[in-house]
């Protein structure tokens, strides 16, 4: 079994990832369940410039679009609402949408690069409080700008020890060492494999055991074949996870990484 905890849909900031692409990739590469967030919730562009109001999509609309996907494929798709803490807030409509659809929701997603805000910013606390109420993990992109440095995830985790925090990428574009070190003193801080070489995942498992890391991919950011190669045909690092990692860590730890931890951390209702 494989649960991918970091999958996207949406058409925004030069990305176009469709529901059909997600489903086709899942079938082709034998992914049993995907937890999906919608990139149309971005607040800033790649250059760190706030998108004009006419190009912003509301937090509620983005959430509802993701929910429709999950409701159409409830045994395969779960939802992480992509939140917009700079331009919007938690309001009664957002809370009601969560309450009415909690059976589909697996976490709450912040993209610190596309919102230019750290997880420890006070504007995130209402979302963290919701995660606490509904026993959901807070999931956040790390890497690419100061606000996305893993230290902000660490500080939020320390301040909210009863909430689970998942560091997507473990610091994208780095050697992942800072993120791995920060896990030492925050047992509620978890690692994610998205664009992470298996050497870093092996180090997480060596230091903290196999219960502190989940499989994620950004699929289908490189198309239907994200798990296999990029659009240029260059080999994807995810092939190391599929083809090499189990032999190196053993079946029990491999099952933890590829699906058992996701079932526990995200409450994925699959056998």
Protein backbone atom coordinates (compact mmCIF):
# COMPACT_ATOMS: atom_id res chain seq x y z
CA UNK A 1 0.00 0.00 0.00
CA UNK A 2 1.09 3.59 -0.71
CA UNK A 3 -0.46 6.77 0.68
CA UNK A 4 0.85 9.99 -0.86
CA UNK A 5 0.33 12.76 1.68
CA UNK A 6 1.32 15.64 -0.62
CA UNK A 7 -0.63 15.86 -3.90
CA UNK A 8 -2.04 18.89 -5.74
CA UNK A 9 -4.72 20.07 -8.09
CA UNK A 10 -5.16 23.56 -9.47
CA UNK A 11 -4.26 26.06 -12.19
CA UNK A 12 -2.16 28.92 -10.85
CA UNK A 13 1.37 30.45 -10.92
CA UNK A 14 2.43 28.52 -14.05
CA UNK A 15 1.18 25.18 -12.72
CA UNK A 16 -1.77 23.28 -14.14
CA UNK A 17 -2.48 20.08 -12.25
CA UNK A 18 -5.81 18.43 -12.96
CA UNK A 19 -7.90 15.85 -11.17
CA UNK A 20 -7.58 13.56 -14.17
CA UNK A 21 -3.78 13.75 -13.92
CA UNK A 22 -3.93 12.78 -10.26
CA UNK A 23 -6.20 9.81 -10.90
CA UNK A 24 -4.20 8.63 -13.92
CA UNK A 25 -0.93 8.77 -11.99
CA UNK A 26 -2.44 6.96 -9.03
CA UNK A 27 -3.64 4.15 -11.27
CA UNK A 28 -0.39 3.90 -13.23
CA UNK A 29 1.87 3.87 -10.17
CA UNK A 30 -0.40 1.98 -7.78
CA UNK A 31 -1.04 4.75 -5.28
CA UNK A 32 -3.90 3.75 -2.99
CA UNK A 33 -4.78 7.13 -1.48
CA UNK A 34 -3.76 10.75 -2.06
CA UNK A 35 -4.17 13.74 0.22
CA UNK A 36 -4.84 16.73 -2.01
CA UNK A 37 -4.48 20.50 -1.62
CA UNK A 38 -5.37 23.08 -4.24
CA UNK A 39 -2.62 25.45 -5.42
CA UNK A 40 -5.22 28.01 -6.47
CA UNK A 41 -4.97 29.26 -2.89
CA UNK A 42 -1.62 30.98 -3.54
CA UNK A 43 -1.41 34.57 -2.29
CA UNK A 44 1.98 35.59 -3.74
CA UNK A 45 3.70 34.78 -7.02
CA UNK A 46 7.10 33.13 -7.48
CA UNK A 47 8.84 36.50 -7.02
CA UNK A 48 7.21 37.19 -3.69
CA UNK A 49 4.77 39.76 -5.05
CA UNK A 50 1.21 39.74 -3.72
CA UNK A 51 -1.22 38.72 -6.44
CA UNK A 52 -3.73 41.44 -7.37
CA UNK A 53 -7.21 40.98 -5.99
CA UNK A 54 -8.65 39.97 -9.36
CA UNK A 55 -6.23 37.03 -9.55
CA UNK A 56 -6.86 35.82 -6.01
CA UNK A 57 -9.27 32.93 -5.49
CA UNK A 58 -11.10 32.82 -2.21
CA UNK A 59 -10.09 30.39 0.50
CA UNK A 60 -13.64 29.00 0.52
CA UNK A 61 -13.80 28.47 -3.26
CA UNK A 62 -10.45 26.69 -3.24
CA UNK A 63 -11.57 24.51 -0.32
CA UNK A 64 -14.89 23.65 -1.97
CA UNK A 65 -13.21 22.66 -5.24
CA UNK A 66 -10.95 20.22 -3.39
CA UNK A 67 -13.90 18.83 -1.46
CA UNK A 68 -15.79 18.12 -4.67
CA UNK A 69 -12.87 16.01 -5.86
CA UNK A 70 -12.78 14.03 -2.62
CA UNK A 71 -16.54 13.50 -2.61
CA UNK A 72 -16.36 12.09 -6.12
CA UNK A 73 -13.59 9.65 -5.09
CA UNK A 74 -13.88 9.24 -1.31
CA UNK A 75 -11.95 5.98 -1.15
CA UNK A 76 -8.98 7.46 -2.98
CA UNK A 77 -8.85 11.20 -2.21
CA UNK A 78 -8.60 13.18 1.01
CA UNK A 79 -8.53 16.95 1.47
CA UNK A 80 -6.17 19.48 2.99
CA UNK A 81 -7.67 22.96 2.73
CA UNK A 82 -5.03 25.42 1.48
CA UNK A 83 -5.28 28.41 3.80
CA UNK A 84 -4.71 32.09 3.03
CA UNK A 85 -3.66 33.73 6.31
CA UNK A 86 -2.35 36.96 4.74
CA UNK A 87 -5.39 38.01 2.71
CA UNK A 88 -8.10 36.11 4.60
CA UNK A 89 -8.89 34.74 8.05
CA UNK A 90 -10.69 31.90 9.75
CA UNK A 91 -14.35 32.87 9.67
CA UNK A 92 -17.62 31.11 10.44
CA UNK A 93 -18.06 29.98 6.84
CA UNK A 94 -14.66 28.27 6.88
CA UNK A 95 -15.35 26.61 10.23
CA UNK A 96 -18.78 25.45 9.07
CA UNK A 97 -17.30 23.99 5.88
CA UNK A 98 -14.83 22.03 8.00
CA UNK A 99 -17.51 20.81 10.39
CA UNK A 100 -19.82 19.67 7.61
CA UNK A 101 -17.06 17.85 5.71
CA UNK A 102 -14.70 16.66 8.42
CA UNK A 103 -14.87 13.07 7.16
CA UNK A 104 -12.95 14.14 4.03
CA UNK A 105 -10.36 16.39 5.71
CA UNK A 106 -6.92 15.01 6.57
CA UNK A 107 -4.97 18.15 7.55
CA UNK A 108 -4.63 21.92 7.10
CA UNK A 109 -2.13 23.20 4.52
CA UNK A 110 -0.03 26.37 4.58
CA UNK A 111 2.32 27.13 1.70
CA UNK A 112 4.76 29.47 3.40
CA UNK A 113 6.49 30.34 0.11
CA UNK A 114 3.28 31.31 -1.70
CA UNK A 115 1.89 33.12 1.35
CA UNK A 116 5.23 34.55 2.58
CA UNK A 117 4.37 33.84 6.18
CA UNK A 118 5.96 31.53 8.74
CA UNK A 119 4.01 28.90 10.63
CA UNK A 120 4.87 30.65 13.89
CA UNK A 121 3.27 33.95 12.78
CA UNK A 122 0.34 34.94 15.00
CA UNK A 123 -1.94 35.02 11.96
CA UNK A 124 -1.64 31.22 11.74
CA UNK A 125 -2.80 30.57 15.29
CA UNK A 126 -6.54 30.41 14.47
CA UNK A 127 -5.79 27.68 11.92
CA UNK A 128 -3.58 25.83 14.40
CA UNK A 129 -6.40 26.07 16.92
CA UNK A 130 -8.72 24.45 14.38
CA UNK A 131 -6.19 21.68 13.86
CA UNK A 132 -6.21 21.13 17.61
CA UNK A 133 -10.01 21.03 17.81
CA UNK A 134 -10.35 18.55 14.95
CA UNK A 135 -7.18 16.56 15.74
CA UNK A 136 -5.63 17.36 12.35
CA UNK A 137 -1.97 17.90 11.41
CA UNK A 138 -0.70 21.28 10.25
CA UNK A 139 1.25 20.75 7.03
CA UNK A 140 3.60 23.35 5.59
CA UNK A 141 6.00 23.83 2.69
CA UNK A 142 9.53 24.55 3.88
CA UNK A 143 12.31 26.08 1.79
CA UNK A 144 12.80 28.89 -0.72
CA UNK A 145 12.41 32.01 1.43
CA UNK A 146 13.02 33.11 5.01
CA UNK A 147 9.40 32.64 6.01
CA UNK A 148 9.61 29.04 4.83
CA UNK A 149 12.68 28.15 6.89
CA UNK A 150 12.08 25.01 8.99
CA UNK A 151 12.80 26.99 12.16
CA UNK A 152 9.32 28.49 11.94
CA UNK A 153 7.76 25.01 11.91
CA UNK A 154 9.88 24.09 14.92
CA UNK A 155 8.78 27.15 16.89
CA UNK A 156 5.12 26.49 16.11
CA UNK A 157 5.51 22.85 17.11
CA UNK A 158 7.14 23.81 20.41
CA UNK A 159 4.40 26.34 21.13
CA UNK A 160 1.63 23.84 20.30
CA UNK A 161 2.86 20.45 21.52
CA UNK A 162 -0.53 18.76 21.20
CA UNK A 163 -0.71 19.49 17.43
CA UNK A 164 1.18 17.47 14.81
CA UNK A 165 3.27 19.51 12.34
CA UNK A 166 4.58 18.08 9.05
CA UNK A 167 7.56 19.73 7.32
CA UNK A 168 7.04 19.29 3.60
CA UNK A 169 10.42 19.05 1.78
CA UNK A 170 12.49 19.27 5.00
CA UNK A 171 13.83 22.55 3.62
CA UNK A 172 13.55 22.47 -0.16
CA UNK A 173 16.84 23.14 -1.94
CA UNK A 174 18.96 22.43 1.14
CA UNK A 175 20.83 19.41 2.46
CA UNK A 176 17.91 18.89 4.91
CA UNK A 177 20.25 18.92 7.91
CA UNK A 178 18.59 21.86 9.68
CA UNK A 179 15.15 20.26 9.46
CA UNK A 180 16.47 16.92 10.70
CA UNK A 181 18.25 18.56 13.63
CA UNK A 182 15.13 20.50 14.64
CA UNK A 183 13.16 17.27 14.99
CA UNK A 184 15.37 16.31 17.95
CA UNK A 185 13.62 18.60 20.42
CA UNK A 186 10.08 18.56 19.02
CA UNK A 187 8.49 15.09 19.02
CA UNK A 188 5.36 16.48 17.33
CA UNK A 189 7.40 17.64 14.31
CA UNK A 190 7.38 15.22 11.38
CA UNK A 191 9.33 14.93 8.14
CA UNK A 192 7.97 14.56 4.60
CA UNK A 193 9.82 13.07 1.62
CA UNK A 194 8.75 15.53 -1.10
CA UNK A 195 11.84 16.11 -3.28
CA UNK A 196 13.98 14.71 -0.47
CA UNK A 197 16.81 12.32 -1.43
CA UNK A 198 16.53 8.94 0.29
CA UNK A 199 19.80 9.64 2.09
CA UNK A 200 18.05 12.32 4.15
CA UNK A 201 15.06 10.08 4.84
CA UNK A 202 17.46 7.36 5.93
CA UNK A 203 19.03 9.82 8.36
CA UNK A 204 15.61 10.69 9.83
CA UNK A 205 14.90 7.01 10.36
CA UNK A 206 18.36 6.36 11.81
CA UNK A 207 18.00 9.16 14.35
CA UNK A 208 14.31 9.06 15.24
CA UNK A 209 13.00 5.70 14.08
CA UNK A 210 10.50 5.03 11.32
CA UNK A 211 7.45 6.71 12.91
CA UNK A 212 8.41 10.36 12.25
CA UNK A 213 8.29 10.53 8.45
CA UNK A 214 5.61 10.28 5.74
CA UNK A 215 5.72 9.78 2.00
CA UNK A 216 4.83 12.82 -0.12
CA UNK A 217 5.65 13.76 -3.71
CA UNK A 218 4.09 17.02 -5.08
CA UNK A 219 2.45 14.84 -7.70
CA UNK A 220 1.52 15.70 -10.48
CA UNK A 221 3.84 18.72 -10.57
CA UNK A 222 5.98 17.02 -13.23
CA UNK A 223 2.99 15.46 -14.97
CA UNK A 224 1.38 12.04 -14.73
CA UNK A 225 4.84 10.45 -14.55
CA UNK A 226 6.13 12.57 -11.65
CA UNK A 227 6.97 9.37 -9.75
CA UNK A 228 9.12 8.13 -12.63
CA UNK A 229 10.66 11.06 -14.51
CA UNK A 230 10.34 14.77 -15.22
CA UNK A 231 9.06 16.16 -18.55
CA UNK A 232 12.61 15.98 -19.95
CA UNK A 233 12.73 12.26 -19.23
CA UNK A 234 15.22 12.64 -16.37
CA UNK A 235 14.92 10.05 -13.62
CA UNK A 236 12.78 10.99 -10.61
CA UNK A 237 14.24 10.54 -7.14
CA UNK A 238 10.96 8.86 -6.15
CA UNK A 239 12.12 5.77 -7.99
CA UNK A 240 14.65 5.32 -5.18
CA UNK A 241 11.73 5.15 -2.72
CA UNK A 242 9.90 2.60 -4.84
CA UNK A 243 12.89 0.53 -5.96
CA UNK A 244 15.64 0.78 -3.34
CA UNK A 245 14.50 1.97 0.07
CA UNK A 246 12.71 -1.13 1.37
CA UNK A 247 15.83 -3.21 0.93
CA UNK A 248 17.81 -0.68 2.97
CA UNK A 249 15.44 -0.21 5.92
CA UNK A 250 13.40 -3.42 6.02
CA UNK A 251 9.71 -4.09 5.41
CA UNK A 252 8.39 -2.84 8.75
CA UNK A 253 10.05 0.59 8.54
CA UNK A 254 9.17 0.83 4.84
CA UNK A 255 5.49 0.22 5.58
CA UNK A 256 5.62 2.91 8.26
CA UNK A 257 7.02 5.41 5.78
CA UNK A 258 4.83 4.55 2.81
CA UNK A 259 1.45 4.26 4.52
CA UNK A 260 1.20 3.34 8.19
CA UNK A 261 2.41 6.69 9.51
CA UNK A 262 0.02 8.50 7.18
CA UNK A 263 -2.90 6.47 8.51
CA UNK A 264 -1.98 7.47 12.06
CA UNK A 265 -0.95 11.11 11.53
CA UNK A 266 -3.61 12.05 8.96
CA UNK A 267 -6.28 9.56 10.09
CA UNK A 268 -6.60 8.09 6.62
CA UNK A 269 -9.47 5.56 6.72
CA UNK A 270 -7.94 2.82 4.56
CA UNK A 271 -6.86 -0.70 5.47
